Amino acid sequence: MDLGGLSRIDFKLNKRDNIPYVFDIASIPYLTKYDACYQSVHSLFPDDSEALYKMIIGSAL
């Protein structure tokens, strides 16, 4: 599938022939500018394009 970046892939394995079937591909939450959380933080801090990343890193410390 040649996916770039971080993503989550949901798949099911067909038990009869052991073939995986992909049924959902999604970006990892908070890491794309189209994510709802990113949009919310951007509306609060429009001049800081890295605000969300600072919050994520800060919460892990």
C-alpha atoms as a PDB file:
ATOM      1  CA  MET A   1       0.000   0.000   0.000  1.00  0.00           C
ATOM      2  CA  ASP A   2       3.052   2.261   0.154  1.00  0.00           C
ATOM      3  CA  LEU A   3       1.723   4.532   2.929  1.00  0.00           C
ATOM      4  CA  GLY A   4       3.836   7.467   4.058  1.00  0.00           C
ATOM      5  CA  GLY A   5       3.881   8.852   7.577  1.00  0.00           C
ATOM      6  CA  LEU A   6       2.063   7.454  10.576  1.00  0.00           C
ATOM      7  CA  SER A   7      -1.270   5.773  10.098  1.00  0.00           C
ATOM      8  CA  ARG A   8      -3.537   3.145  11.562  1.00  0.00           C
ATOM      9  CA  ILE A   9      -4.772   0.305   9.396  1.00  0.00           C
ATOM     10  CA  ASP A  10      -7.707  -1.887  10.421  1.00  0.00           C
ATOM     11  CA  PHE A  11      -7.975  -5.208   8.671  1.00  0.00           C
ATOM     12  CA  LYS A  12      -9.672  -8.570   8.931  1.00  0.00           C
ATOM     13  CA  LEU A  13      -8.071 -11.884   8.089  1.00  0.00           C
ATOM     14  CA  ASN A  14     -10.146 -14.234   5.993  1.00  0.00           C
ATOM     15  CA  LYS A  15      -9.771 -17.585   7.781  1.00  0.00           C
ATOM     16  CA  ARG A  16     -10.581 -19.566   4.674  1.00  0.00           C
ATOM     17  CA  ASP A  17      -7.699 -18.328   2.523  1.00  0.00           C
ATOM     18  CA  ASN A  18      -5.606 -16.277   5.037  1.00  0.00           C
ATOM     19  CA  ILE A  19      -5.909 -13.123   2.968  1.00  0.00           C
ATOM     20  CA  PRO A  20      -6.033  -9.818   4.893  1.00  0.00           C
ATOM     21  CA  TYR A  21      -8.752  -7.374   3.858  1.00  0.00           C
ATOM     22  CA  VAL A  22      -8.219  -3.721   4.742  1.00  0.00           C
ATOM     23  CA  PHE A  23     -11.405  -1.905   5.758  1.00  0.00           C
ATOM     24  CA  ASP A  24     -10.145   1.347   7.297  1.00  0.00           C
ATOM     25  CA  ILE A  25      -7.039   3.517   7.021  1.00  0.00           C
ATOM     26  CA  ALA A  26      -6.742   6.547   9.296  1.00  0.00           C
ATOM     27  CA  SER A  27      -4.033   8.960  10.290  1.00  0.00           C
ATOM     28  CA  ILE A  28      -2.742   8.755  13.819  1.00  0.00           C
ATOM     29  CA  PRO A  29      -4.853  11.226  15.843  1.00  0.00           C
ATOM     30  CA  TYR A  30      -3.457  14.718  16.414  1.00  0.00           C
ATOM     31  CA  LEU A  31      -0.717  14.410  13.818  1.00  0.00           C
ATOM     32  CA  THR A  32      -2.453  15.871  10.766  1.00  0.00           C
ATOM     33  CA  LYS A  33      -3.757  19.377  10.357  1.00  0.00           C
ATOM     34  CA  TYR A  34      -7.140  17.965   9.329  1.00  0.00           C
ATOM     35  CA  ASP A  35      -7.723  16.275  12.687  1.00  0.00           C
ATOM     36  CA  ALA A  36     -10.412  17.848  14.906  1.00  0.00           C
ATOM     37  CA  CYS A  37      -8.057  18.184  17.882  1.00  0.00           C
ATOM     38  CA  TYR A  38      -5.442  19.956  15.758  1.00  0.00           C
ATOM     39  CA  GLN A  39      -8.107  22.318  14.414  1.00  0.00           C
ATOM     40  CA  SER A  40      -9.303  23.134  17.946  1.00  0.00           C
ATOM     41  CA  VAL A  41      -5.821  23.960  19.198  1.00  0.00           C
ATOM     42  CA  HIS A  42      -5.094  25.952  16.052  1.00  0.00           C
ATOM     43  CA  SER A  43      -8.192  28.091  16.660  1.00  0.00           C
ATOM     44  CA  LEU A  44      -6.940  28.821  20.203  1.00  0.00           C
ATOM     45  CA  PHE A  45      -3.326  29.486  19.139  1.00  0.00           C
ATOM     46  CA  PRO A  46      -3.505  30.572  15.467  1.00  0.00           C
ATOM     47  CA  ASP A  47       0.015  32.031  15.451  1.00  0.00           C
ATOM     48  CA  ASP A  48       1.713  28.918  16.853  1.00  0.00           C
ATOM     49  CA  SER A  49       1.698  26.078  14.305  1.00  0.00           C
ATOM     50  CA  GLU A  50       3.473  23.827  16.815  1.00  0.00           C
ATOM     51  CA  ALA A  51       1.120  24.411  19.772  1.00  0.00           C
ATOM     52  CA  LEU A  52      -0.447  20.957  19.615  1.00  0.00           C
ATOM     53  CA  TYR A  53       2.926  19.219  19.476  1.00  0.00           C
ATOM     54  CA  LYS A  54       4.138  21.263  22.441  1.00  0.00           C
ATOM     55  CA  MET A  55       1.050  20.189  24.391  1.00  0.00           C
ATOM     56  CA  ILE A  56       1.560  16.512  23.547  1.00  0.00           C
ATOM     57  CA  ILE A  57       5.249  16.583  24.444  1.00  0.00           C
ATOM     58  CA  GLY A  58       4.580  18.603  27.604  1.00  0.00           C
ATOM     59  CA  SER A  59       1.920  16.166  28.795  1.00  0.00           C
ATOM     60  CA  ALA A  60       4.377  13.273  28.453  1.00  0.00           C
ATOM     61  CA  LEU A  61       6.997  14.893  30.701  1.00  0.00           C
END
